[in-house]
Structures are given as structure tokens and as C-alpha cells.
PDB file of N, CA and C in Angstrom:
ATOM      1  N   UNK A   1     -76.755 205.215 209.942  1.00  0.00           N
ATOM      2  CA  UNK A   1     -78.033 205.104 209.278  1.00  0.00           C
ATOM      3  C   UNK A   1     -78.041 206.027 208.074  1.00  0.00           C
ATOM      4  N   UNK A   2     -78.597 205.563 206.986  1.00  0.00           N
ATOM      5  CA  UNK A   2     -78.680 206.355 205.763  1.00  0.00           C
ATOM      6  C   UNK A   2     -80.064 207.004 205.674  1.00  0.00           C
ATOM      7  N   UNK A   3     -80.070 208.314 205.490  1.00  0.00           N
ATOM      8  CA  UNK A   3     -81.308 209.086 205.414  1.00  0.00           C
ATOM      9  C   UNK A   3     -81.346 209.782 204.055  1.00  0.00           C
ATOM     10  N   UNK A   4     -82.497 209.750 203.366  1.00  0.00           N
ATOM     11  CA  UNK A   4     -82.579 210.444 202.076  1.00  0.00           C
ATOM     12  C   UNK A   4     -82.584 211.962 202.262  1.00  0.00           C
ATOM     13  N   UNK A   5     -82.027 212.689 201.274  1.00  0.00           N
ATOM     14  CA  UNK A   5     -81.998 214.146 201.337  1.00  0.00           C
ATOM     15  C   UNK A   5     -83.387 214.742 201.146  1.00  0.00           C
ATOM     16  N   UNK A   6     -84.199 214.081 200.320  1.00  0.00           N
ATOM     17  CA  UNK A   6     -85.557 214.554 200.064  1.00  0.00           C
ATOM     18  C   UNK A   6     -86.538 213.412 200.289  1.00  0.00           C
ATOM     19  N   UNK A   7     -87.698 213.755 200.887  1.00  0.00           N
ATOM     20  CA  UNK A   7     -88.684 212.755 201.266  1.00  0.00           C
ATOM     21  C   UNK A   7     -90.060 213.248 200.850  1.00  0.00           C
ATOM     22  N   UNK A   8     -90.911 212.339 200.366  1.00  0.00           N
ATOM     23  CA  UNK A   8     -92.298 212.690 200.086  1.00  0.00           C
ATOM     24  C   UNK A   8     -93.125 212.428 201.338  1.00  0.00           C
ATOM     25  N   UNK A   9     -93.658 213.514 201.926  1.00  0.00           N
ATOM     26  CA  UNK A   9     -94.416 213.425 203.177  1.00  0.00           C
ATOM     27  C   UNK A   9     -95.654 214.297 203.082  1.00  0.00           C
ATOM     28  N   UNK A  10     -96.573 214.080 204.024  1.00  0.00           N
ATOM     29  CA  UNK A  10     -97.773 214.897 204.110  1.00  0.00           C
ATOM     30  C   UNK A  10     -97.440 216.196 204.837  1.00  0.00           C
ATOM     31  N   UNK A  11     -97.778 217.330 204.218  1.00  0.00           N
ATOM     32  CA  UNK A  11     -97.584 218.640 204.836  1.00  0.00           C
ATOM     33  C   UNK A  11     -98.910 219.077 205.453  1.00  0.00           C
ATOM     34  N   UNK A  12     -98.897 219.325 206.760  1.00  0.00           N
ATOM     35  CA  UNK A  12    -100.139 219.693 207.439  1.00  0.00           C
ATOM     36  C   UNK A  12    -100.546 221.137 207.139  1.00  0.00           C
ATOM     37  N   UNK A  13     -99.643 221.950 206.606  1.00  0.00           N
ATOM     38  CA  UNK A  13     -99.971 223.323 206.242  1.00  0.00           C
ATOM     39  C   UNK A  13    -100.567 223.384 204.832  1.00  0.00           C
ATOM     40  N   UNK A  14     -99.949 222.660 203.880  1.00  0.00           N
ATOM     41  CA  UNK A  14    -100.464 222.603 202.507  1.00  0.00           C
ATOM     42  C   UNK A  14    -101.646 221.635 202.390  1.00  0.00           C
ATOM     43  N   UNK A  15    -101.731 220.701 203.327  1.00  0.00           N
ATOM     44  CA  UNK A  15    -102.749 219.647 203.362  1.00  0.00           C
ATOM     45  C   UNK A  15    -102.696 218.741 202.139  1.00  0.00           C
ATOM     46  N   UNK A  16    -101.471 218.405 201.738  1.00  0.00           N
ATOM     47  CA  UNK A  16    -101.278 217.429 200.657  1.00  0.00           C
ATOM     48  C   UNK A  16     -99.860 216.866 200.763  1.00  0.00           C
ATOM     49  N   UNK A  17     -99.596 215.791 200.030  1.00  0.00           N
ATOM     50  CA  UNK A  17     -98.269 215.201 200.007  1.00  0.00           C
ATOM     51  C   UNK A  17     -97.352 216.034 199.124  1.00  0.00           C
ATOM     52  N   UNK A  18     -96.240 216.464 199.698  1.00  0.00           N
ATOM     53  CA  UNK A  18     -95.266 217.263 198.949  1.00  0.00           C
ATOM     54  C   UNK A  18     -93.866 216.734 199.224  1.00  0.00           C
ATOM     55  N   UNK A  19     -92.911 217.233 198.444  1.00  0.00           N
ATOM     56  CA  UNK A  19     -91.517 216.848 198.650  1.00  0.00           C
ATOM     57  C   UNK A  19     -90.932 217.708 199.761  1.00  0.00           C
ATOM     58  N   UNK A  20     -90.259 217.053 200.707  1.00  0.00           N
ATOM     59  CA  UNK A  20     -89.662 217.751 201.846  1.00  0.00           C
ATOM     60  C   UNK A  20     -88.153 217.560 201.840  1.00  0.00           C
ATOM     61  N   UNK A  21     -87.425 218.609 202.245  1.00  0.00           N
ATOM     62  CA  UNK A  21     -85.978 218.540 202.395  1.00  0.00           C
ATOM     63  C   UNK A  21     -85.670 218.164 203.838  1.00  0.00           C
ATOM     64  N   UNK A  22     -84.730 217.244 204.048  1.00  0.00           N
ATOM     65  CA  UNK A  22     -84.376 216.767 205.393  1.00  0.00           C
ATOM     66  C   UNK A  22     -83.183 217.566 205.910  1.00  0.00           C
ATOM     67  N   UNK A  23     -83.301 218.052 207.166  1.00  0.00           N
ATOM     68  CA  UNK A  23     -82.251 218.861 207.781  1.00  0.00           C
ATOM     69  C   UNK A  23     -81.892 218.242 209.120  1.00  0.00           C
ATOM     70  N   UNK A  24     -80.585 218.125 209.399  1.00  0.00           N
ATOM     71  CA  UNK A  24     -80.124 217.685 210.719  1.00  0.00           C
ATOM     72  C   UNK A  24     -79.816 218.929 211.537  1.00  0.00           C
ATOM     73  N   UNK A  25     -80.421 219.026 212.728  1.00  0.00           N
ATOM     74  CA  UNK A  25     -80.203 220.168 213.605  1.00  0.00           C
ATOM     75  C   UNK A  25     -78.988 219.885 214.481  1.00  0.00           C
ATOM     76  N   UNK A  26     -78.024 220.788 214.439  1.00  0.00           N
ATOM     77  CA  UNK A  26     -76.827 220.665 215.267  1.00  0.00           C
ATOM     78  C   UNK A  26     -77.134 221.216 216.655  1.00  0.00           C
ATOM     79  N   UNK A  27     -76.403 220.730 217.660  1.00  0.00           N
ATOM     80  CA  UNK A  27     -76.615 221.230 219.013  1.00  0.00           C
ATOM     81  C   UNK A  27     -76.060 222.647 219.115  1.00  0.00           C
ATOM     82  N   UNK A  28     -76.777 223.503 219.829  1.00  0.00           N
ATOM     83  CA  UNK A  28     -76.385 224.902 219.937  1.00  0.00           C
ATOM     84  C   UNK A  28     -75.382 225.084 221.077  1.00  0.00           C
ATOM     85  N   UNK A  29     -74.821 226.284 221.133  1.00  0.00           N
ATOM     86  CA  UNK A  29     -73.843 226.607 222.161  1.00  0.00           C
ATOM     87  C   UNK A  29     -74.538 226.662 223.526  1.00  0.00           C
ATOM     88  N   UNK A  30     -73.868 226.188 224.564  1.00  0.00           N
ATOM     89  CA  UNK A  30     -74.449 226.155 225.903  1.00  0.00           C
ATOM     90  C   UNK A  30     -74.627 227.567 226.433  1.00  0.00           C
ATOM     91  N   UNK A  31     -75.725 227.779 227.183  1.00  0.00           N
ATOM     92  CA  UNK A  31     -75.978 229.091 227.753  1.00  0.00           C
ATOM     93  C   UNK A  31     -75.058 229.332 228.941  1.00  0.00           C
ATOM     94  N   UNK A  32     -74.614 230.546 229.091  1.00  0.00           N
ATOM     95  CA  UNK A  32     -73.779 230.897 230.232  1.00  0.00           C
ATOM     96  C   UNK A  32     -74.404 232.098 230.923  1.00  0.00           C
ATOM     97  N   UNK A  33     -73.911 232.405 232.070  1.00  0.00           N
ATOM     98  CA  UNK A  33     -74.398 233.602 232.744  1.00  0.00           C
ATOM     99  C   UNK A  33     -75.307 233.296 233.897  1.00  0.00           C
ATOM    100  N   UNK A  34     -76.599 233.517 233.720  1.00  0.00           N
ATOM    101  CA  UNK A  34     -77.509 233.496 234.849  1.00  0.00           C
ATOM    102  C   UNK A  34     -78.283 232.196 235.018  1.00  0.00           C
ATOM    103  N   UNK A  35     -77.973 231.149 234.254  1.00  0.00           N
ATOM    104  CA  UNK A  35     -78.654 229.872 234.461  1.00  0.00           C
ATOM    105  C   UNK A  35     -78.186 229.270 235.793  1.00  0.00           C
ATOM    106  N   UNK A  36     -79.028 228.467 236.412  1.00  0.00           N
ATOM    107  CA  UNK A  36     -78.773 227.987 237.764  1.00  0.00           C
ATOM    108  C   UNK A  36     -77.495 227.168 237.854  1.00  0.00           C
ATOM    109  N   UNK A  37     -77.225 226.331 236.894  1.00  0.00           N
ATOM    110  CA  UNK A  37     -76.038 225.480 236.955  1.00  0.00           C
ATOM    111  C   UNK A  37     -74.756 226.282 236.978  1.00  0.00           C
ATOM    112  N   UNK A  38     -74.692 227.336 236.180  1.00  0.00           N
ATOM    113  CA  UNK A  38     -73.467 228.141 236.134  1.00  0.00           C
ATOM    114  C   UNK A  38     -73.312 228.969 237.409  1.00  0.00           C
ATOM    115  N   UNK A  39     -74.438 229.446 237.973  1.00  0.00           N
ATOM    116  CA  UNK A  39     -74.353 230.202 239.228  1.00  0.00           C
ATOM    117  C   UNK A  39     -73.841 229.301 240.352  1.00  0.00           C
ATOM    118  N   UNK A  40     -74.333 228.059 240.366  1.00  0.00           N
ATOM    119  CA  UNK A  40     -73.924 227.123 241.412  1.00  0.00           C
ATOM    120  C   UNK A  40     -72.440 226.783 241.264  1.00  0.00           C
ATOM    121  N   UNK A  41     -71.971 226.646 240.022  1.00  0.00           N
ATOM    122  CA  UNK A  41     -70.568 226.340 239.787  1.00  0.00           C
ATOM    123  C   UNK A  41     -69.676 227.489 240.239  1.00  0.00           C
ATOM    124  N   UNK A  42     -70.129 228.730 239.979  1.00  0.00           N
ATOM    125  CA  UNK A  42     -69.344 229.894 240.416  1.00  0.00           C
ATOM    126  C   UNK A  42     -69.249 229.957 241.937  1.00  0.00           C
ATOM    127  N   UNK A  43     -70.351 229.643 242.634  1.00  0.00           N
ATOM    128  CA  UNK A  43     -70.340 229.647 244.090  1.00  0.00           C
ATOM    129  C   UNK A  43     -69.356 228.608 244.618  1.00  0.00           C
ATOM    130  N   UNK A  44     -69.319 227.449 243.957  1.00  0.00           N
ATOM    131  CA  UNK A  44     -68.398 226.401 244.377  1.00  0.00           C
ATOM    132  C   UNK A  44     -66.952 226.817 244.218  1.00  0.00           C
ATOM    133  N   UNK A  45     -66.657 227.578 243.150  1.00  0.00           N
ATOM    134  CA  UNK A  45     -65.285 228.042 242.924  1.00  0.00           C
ATOM    135  C   UNK A  45     -64.876 229.082 243.954  1.00  0.00           C
ATOM    136  N   UNK A  46     -65.836 229.895 244.417  1.00  0.00           N
ATOM    137  CA  UNK A  46     -65.531 230.923 245.414  1.00  0.00           C
ATOM    138  C   UNK A  46     -65.282 230.312 246.791  1.00  0.00           C
ATOM    139  N   UNK A  47     -65.795 229.124 247.026  1.00  0.00           N
ATOM    140  CA  UNK A  47     -65.632 228.502 248.323  1.00  0.00           C
ATOM    141  C   UNK A  47     -66.786 228.789 249.265  1.00  0.00           C
ATOM    142  N   UNK A  48     -67.954 229.169 248.695  1.00  0.00           N
ATOM    143  CA  UNK A  48     -69.127 229.456 249.516  1.00  0.00           C
ATOM    144  C   UNK A  48     -69.972 228.199 249.623  1.00  0.00           C
ATOM    145  N   UNK A  49     -70.496 227.922 250.797  1.00  0.00           N
ATOM    146  CA  UNK A  49     -71.435 226.827 250.954  1.00  0.00           C
ATOM    147  C   UNK A  49     -70.792 225.537 251.399  1.00  0.00           C
ATOM    148  N   UNK A  50     -71.628 224.525 251.574  1.00  0.00           N
ATOM    149  CA  UNK A  50     -71.188 223.244 252.087  1.00  0.00           C
ATOM    150  C   UNK A  50     -70.738 222.364 250.923  1.00  0.00           C
ATOM    151  N   UNK A  51     -69.441 222.100 250.822  1.00  0.00           N
ATOM    152  CA  UNK A  51     -68.911 221.293 249.715  1.00  0.00           C
ATOM    153  C   UNK A  51     -69.303 219.814 249.868  1.00  0.00           C
ATOM    154  N   UNK A  52     -69.390 219.336 251.106  1.00  0.00           N
ATOM    155  CA  UNK A  52     -69.761 217.946 251.319  1.00  0.00           C
ATOM    156  C   UNK A  52     -71.246 217.803 251.555  1.00  0.00           C
ATOM    157  N   UNK A  53     -72.023 218.477 250.736  1.00  0.00           N
ATOM    158  CA  UNK A  53     -73.466 218.542 250.936  1.00  0.00           C
ATOM    159  C   UNK A  53     -74.084 217.145 250.866  1.00  0.00           C
ATOM    160  N   UNK A  54     -74.977 216.851 251.758  1.00  0.00           N
ATOM    161  CA  UNK A  54     -75.696 215.577 251.867  1.00  0.00           C
ATOM    162  C   UNK A  54     -74.757 214.405 252.143  1.00  0.00           C
ATOM    163  N   UNK A  55     -73.545 214.689 252.552  1.00  0.00           N
ATOM    164  CA  UNK A  55     -72.530 213.695 252.922  1.00  0.00           C
ATOM    165  C   UNK A  55     -72.464 212.542 251.925  1.00  0.00           C
ATOM    166  N   UNK A  56     -72.066 212.857 250.708  1.00  0.00           N
ATOM    167  CA  UNK A  56     -71.966 211.841 249.657  1.00  0.00           C
ATOM    168  C   UNK A  56     -70.776 210.918 249.903  1.00  0.00           C
ATOM    169  N   UNK A  57     -70.892 209.682 249.418  1.00  0.00           N
ATOM    170  CA  UNK A  57     -69.784 208.743 249.510  1.00  0.00           C
ATOM    171  C   UNK A  57     -68.691 209.165 248.537  1.00  0.00           C
ATOM    172  N   UNK A  58     -67.463 208.689 248.728  1.00  0.00           N
ATOM    173  CA  UNK A  58     -66.413 208.999 247.762  1.00  0.00           C
ATOM    174  C   UNK A  58     -66.764 208.473 246.375  1.00  0.00           C
ATOM    175  N   UNK A  59     -66.218 209.118 245.346  1.00  0.00           N
ATOM    176  CA  UNK A  59     -66.577 208.794 243.966  1.00  0.00           C
ATOM    177  C   UNK A  59     -66.244 207.350 243.615  1.00  0.00           C
ATOM    178  N   UNK A  60     -65.181 206.808 244.237  1.00  0.00           N
ATOM    179  CA  UNK A  60     -64.792 205.430 243.940  1.00  0.00           C
ATOM    180  C   UNK A  60     -65.846 204.429 244.408  1.00  0.00           C
ATOM    181  N   UNK A  61     -66.640 204.788 245.429  1.00  0.00           N
ATOM    182  CA  UNK A  61     -67.646 203.872 245.948  1.00  0.00           C
ATOM    183  C   UNK A  61     -69.008 204.047 245.292  1.00  0.00           C
ATOM    184  N   UNK A  62     -69.220 205.195 244.600  1.00  0.00           N
ATOM    185  CA  UNK A  62     -70.502 205.424 243.943  1.00  0.00           C
ATOM    186  C   UNK A  62     -70.619 204.591 242.678  1.00  0.00           C
ATOM    187  N   UNK A  63     -71.855 204.244 242.338  1.00  0.00           N
ATOM    188  CA  UNK A  63     -72.095 203.462 241.127  1.00  0.00           C
ATOM    189  C   UNK A  63     -71.992 204.383 239.917  1.00  0.00           C
ATOM    190  N   UNK A  64     -71.140 204.048 238.973  1.00  0.00           N
ATOM    191  CA  UNK A  64     -70.984 204.861 237.774  1.00  0.00           C
ATOM    192  C   UNK A  64     -71.947 204.384 236.700  1.00  0.00           C
ATOM    193  N   UNK A  65     -72.485 205.319 235.940  1.00  0.00           N
ATOM    194  CA  UNK A  65     -73.419 204.991 234.872  1.00  0.00           C
ATOM    195  C   UNK A  65     -72.717 204.484 233.628  1.00  0.00           C
ATOM    196  N   UNK A  66     -73.489 203.954 232.705  1.00  0.00           N
ATOM    197  CA  UNK A  66     -72.945 203.442 231.454  1.00  0.00           C
ATOM    198  C   UNK A  66     -72.693 204.618 230.521  1.00  0.00           C
ATOM    199  N   UNK A  67     -71.542 204.649 229.870  1.00  0.00           N
ATOM    200  CA  UNK A  67     -71.213 205.705 228.920  1.00  0.00           C
ATOM    201  C   UNK A  67     -71.844 205.349 227.588  1.00  0.00           C
ATOM    202  N   UNK A  68     -72.663 206.249 227.066  1.00  0.00           N
ATOM    203  CA  UNK A  68     -73.349 205.992 225.801  1.00  0.00           C
ATOM    204  C   UNK A  68     -72.447 206.372 224.640  1.00  0.00           C
ATOM    205  N   UNK A  69     -72.451 205.537 223.603  1.00  0.00           N
ATOM    206  CA  UNK A  69     -71.542 205.747 222.473  1.00  0.00           C
ATOM    207  C   UNK A  69     -72.220 206.385 221.273  1.00  0.00           C
ATOM    208  N   UNK A  70     -73.509 206.675 221.382  1.00  0.00           N
ATOM    209  CA  UNK A  70     -74.218 207.272 220.251  1.00  0.00           C
ATOM    210  C   UNK A  70     -75.183 208.330 220.766  1.00  0.00           C
ATOM    211  N   UNK A  71     -75.700 209.151 219.834  1.00  0.00           N
ATOM    212  CA  UNK A  71     -76.609 210.220 220.212  1.00  0.00           C
ATOM    213  C   UNK A  71     -77.924 210.074 219.473  1.00  0.00           C
ATOM    214  N   UNK A  72     -78.963 210.644 220.057  1.00  0.00           N
ATOM    215  CA  UNK A  72     -80.233 210.731 219.355  1.00  0.00           C
ATOM    216  C   UNK A  72     -80.141 211.823 218.301  1.00  0.00           C
ATOM    217  N   UNK A  73     -80.745 211.633 217.143  1.00  0.00           N
ATOM    218  CA  UNK A  73     -80.626 212.572 216.038  1.00  0.00           C
ATOM    219  C   UNK A  73     -81.878 213.433 215.974  1.00  0.00           C
ATOM    220  N   UNK A  74     -81.684 214.757 215.864  1.00  0.00           N
ATOM    221  CA  UNK A  74     -82.799 215.690 215.748  1.00  0.00           C
ATOM    222  C   UNK A  74     -82.951 216.064 214.281  1.00  0.00           C
ATOM    223  N   UNK A  75     -84.008 215.559 213.650  1.00  0.00           N
ATOM    224  CA  UNK A  75     -84.240 215.811 212.224  1.00  0.00           C
ATOM    225  C   UNK A  75     -85.444 216.714 212.033  1.00  0.00           C
ATOM    226  N   UNK A  76     -85.358 217.587 211.054  1.00  0.00           N
ATOM    227  CA  UNK A  76     -86.488 218.420 210.652  1.00  0.00           C
ATOM    228  C   UNK A  76     -86.713 218.206 209.174  1.00  0.00           C
ATOM    229  N   UNK A  77     -87.981 218.316 208.747  1.00  0.00           N
ATOM    230  CA  UNK A  77     -88.285 218.272 207.312  1.00  0.00           C
ATOM    231  C   UNK A  77     -88.913 219.598 206.926  1.00  0.00           C
ATOM    232  N   UNK A  78     -88.459 220.136 205.786  1.00  0.00           N
ATOM    233  CA  UNK A  78     -88.927 221.435 205.309  1.00  0.00           C
ATOM    234  C   UNK A  78     -89.686 221.247 204.009  1.00  0.00           C
ATOM    235  N   UNK A  79     -90.917 221.756 203.959  1.00  0.00           N
ATOM    236  CA  UNK A  79     -91.759 221.634 202.772  1.00  0.00           C
ATOM    237  C   UNK A  79     -91.175 222.479 201.643  1.00  0.00           C
ATOM    238  N   UNK A  80     -91.166 221.931 200.436  1.00  0.00           N
ATOM    239  CA  UNK A  80     -90.595 222.652 199.297  1.00  0.00           C
ATOM    240  C   UNK A  80     -91.528 223.750 198.787  1.00  0.00           C
ATOM    241  N   UNK A  81     -92.823 223.683 199.132  1.00  0.00           N
ATOM    242  CA  UNK A  81     -93.785 224.675 198.643  1.00  0.00           C
ATOM    243  C   UNK A  81     -93.944 225.821 199.642  1.00  0.00           C
ATOM    244  N   UNK A  82     -94.341 225.505 200.887  1.00  0.00           N
ATOM    245  CA  UNK A  82     -94.635 226.567 201.863  1.00  0.00           C
ATOM    246  C   UNK A  82     -93.456 226.888 202.779  1.00  0.00           C
ATOM    247  N   UNK A  83     -92.360 226.112 202.697  1.00  0.00           N
ATOM    248  CA  UNK A  83     -91.133 226.324 203.491  1.00  0.00           C
ATOM    249  C   UNK A  83     -91.334 226.192 204.999  1.00  0.00           C
ATOM    250  N   UNK A  84     -92.414 225.548 205.426  1.00  0.00           N
ATOM    251  CA  UNK A  84     -92.636 225.302 206.856  1.00  0.00           C
ATOM    252  C   UNK A  84     -91.829 224.078 207.274  1.00  0.00           C
ATOM    253  N   UNK A  85     -91.318 224.111 208.513  1.00  0.00           N
ATOM    254  CA  UNK A  85     -90.536 222.995 209.028  1.00  0.00           C
ATOM    255  C   UNK A  85     -91.311 222.256 210.112  1.00  0.00           C
ATOM    256  N   UNK A  86     -91.148 220.928 210.112  1.00  0.00           N
ATOM    257  CA  UNK A  86     -91.736 220.088 211.153  1.00  0.00           C
ATOM    258  C   UNK A  86     -90.668 219.135 211.661  1.00  0.00           C
ATOM    259  N   UNK A  87     -90.830 218.689 212.903  1.00  0.00           N
ATOM    260  CA  UNK A  87     -89.897 217.721 213.484  1.00  0.00           C
ATOM    261  C   UNK A  87     -90.208 216.353 212.918  1.00  0.00           C
ATOM    262  N   UNK A  88     -89.163 215.637 212.498  1.00  0.00           N
ATOM    263  CA  UNK A  88     -89.314 214.281 211.976  1.00  0.00           C
ATOM    264  C   UNK A  88     -88.696 213.347 213.003  1.00  0.00           C
ATOM    265  N   UNK A  89     -89.532 212.646 213.741  1.00  0.00           N
ATOM    266  CA  UNK A  89     -89.057 211.799 214.830  1.00  0.00           C
ATOM    267  C   UNK A  89     -88.615 210.439 214.301  1.00  0.00           C
ATOM    268  N   UNK A  90     -87.317 210.174 214.423  1.00  0.00           N
ATOM    269  CA  UNK A  90     -86.788 208.841 214.155  1.00  0.00           C
ATOM    270  C   UNK A  90     -86.365 208.283 215.496  1.00  0.00           C
ATOM    271  N   UNK A  91     -87.066 207.290 215.972  1.00  0.00           N
ATOM    272  CA  UNK A  91     -86.780 206.736 217.286  1.00  0.00           C
ATOM    273  C   UNK A  91     -85.460 205.982 217.248  1.00  0.00           C
ATOM    274  N   UNK A  92     -84.722 206.071 218.322  1.00  0.00           N
ATOM    275  CA  UNK A  92     -83.483 205.318 218.435  1.00  0.00           C
ATOM    276  C   UNK A  92     -82.257 206.209 218.424  1.00  0.00           C
ATOM    277  N   UNK A  93     -81.129 205.601 218.690  1.00  0.00           N
ATOM    278  CA  UNK A  93     -79.846 206.294 218.726  1.00  0.00           C
ATOM    279  C   UNK A  93     -78.961 205.699 217.641  1.00  0.00           C
ATOM    280  N   UNK A  94     -78.262 206.548 216.927  1.00  0.00           N
ATOM    281  CA  UNK A  94     -77.451 206.101 215.800  1.00  0.00           C
ATOM    282  C   UNK A  94     -76.041 206.639 215.926  1.00  0.00           C
ATOM    283  N   UNK A  95     -75.049 205.772 215.654  1.00  0.00           N
ATOM    284  CA  UNK A  95     -73.655 206.199 215.722  1.00  0.00           C
ATOM    285  C   UNK A  95     -73.313 207.130 214.575  1.00  0.00           C
ATOM    286  N   UNK A  96     -73.807 206.808 213.378  1.00  0.00           N
ATOM    287  CA  UNK A  96     -73.442 207.570 212.199  1.00  0.00           C
ATOM    288  C   UNK A  96     -74.687 207.831 211.363  1.00  0.00           C
ATOM    289  N   UNK A  97     -74.887 209.088 210.973  1.00  0.00           N
ATOM    290  CA  UNK A  97     -76.035 209.448 210.134  1.00  0.00           C
ATOM    291  C   UNK A  97     -75.500 210.103 208.876  1.00  0.00           C
ATOM    292  N   UNK A  98     -75.887 209.601 207.722  1.00  0.00           N
ATOM    293  CA  UNK A  98     -75.435 210.188 206.458  1.00  0.00           C
ATOM    294  C   UNK A  98     -76.604 210.284 205.486  1.00  0.00           C
ATOM    295  N   UNK A  99     -76.494 211.224 204.548  1.00  0.00           N
ATOM    296  CA  UNK A  99     -77.538 211.455 203.574  1.00  0.00           C
ATOM    297  C   UNK A  99     -77.310 210.622 202.318  1.00  0.00           C
ATOM    298  N   UNK A 100     -78.415 210.153 201.714  1.00  0.00           N
ATOM    299  CA  UNK A 100     -78.378 209.513 200.406  1.00  0.00           C
ATOM    300  C   UNK A 100     -79.227 210.344 199.456  1.00  0.00           C
ATOM    301  N   UNK A 101     -79.110 210.122 198.149  1.00  0.00           N
ATOM    302  CA  UNK A 101     -79.842 210.929 197.180  1.00  0.00           C
ATOM    303  C   UNK A 101     -81.188 210.348 196.811  1.00  0.00           C
ATOM    304  N   UNK A 102     -81.469 209.102 197.199  1.00  0.00           N
ATOM    305  CA  UNK A 102     -82.733 208.446 196.819  1.00  0.00           C
ATOM    306  C   UNK A 102     -83.903 209.049 197.578  1.00  0.00           C
ATOM    307  N   UNK A 103     -85.058 209.184 196.892  1.00  0.00           N
ATOM    308  CA  UNK A 103     -86.283 209.687 197.521  1.00  0.00           C
ATOM    309  C   UNK A 103     -87.085 208.503 198.054  1.00  0.00           C
ATOM    310  N   UNK A 104     -87.511 208.636 199.296  1.00  0.00           N
ATOM    311  CA  UNK A 104     -88.286 207.568 199.912  1.00  0.00           C
ATOM    312  C   UNK A 104     -89.744 207.933 199.937  1.00  0.00           C
TER     313      UNK A 104
END
């Protein structure tokens, strides 16, 4: 999908239509340490607890989910006057996102 680098949008802080810069937010580094998932993984490596919890079927018999080939894009728009950022929701999943120079 082609997205313009600059967009004319309504700024709720300035209360008028201004030019906004479009920014794609990259995913941040995963948290480690004391989050529940990492603690549970460490316990599993130590050999503590019931490994066959809830008596799950073998992986070959379980229904596997569909592998998604695209990601949802997190876009922000930044006002050129007050420098405030807002989330710009574009519904849908896109394989490729690139910037164009045209103003929409």
C-alpha cells in the first residue's frame, strides 16, 4: 500500500486543518525478566511442574492455525505546528507499505 509522507488532517490540539507528517511505528524489543511468560518458560526449563498439563493431545493431532503472511500497520501522524502525535488507524493488513511524496 502506498501512503503519502505528508497529509492534511484535522488537529484536535490546534483545532484546525494542518499538514501532518506520517510515521510508521516499528515493533519494540520484547520484555524479558519478570513478565509471566518468561517466568513460566524458565520453570519449564528447570523441570519444575507438570509438563503434560491438562493432558493435551500430541501436536500432530491438534488443529494448527493459519499462518498469516502480512501484518497490521501502526501509523502515527505528527502535526507540523504543535508537534503532537495521534494514531492514524488504517484498517486491514498489508504485505508492503511504502511512502509516496503526494499530499492527500
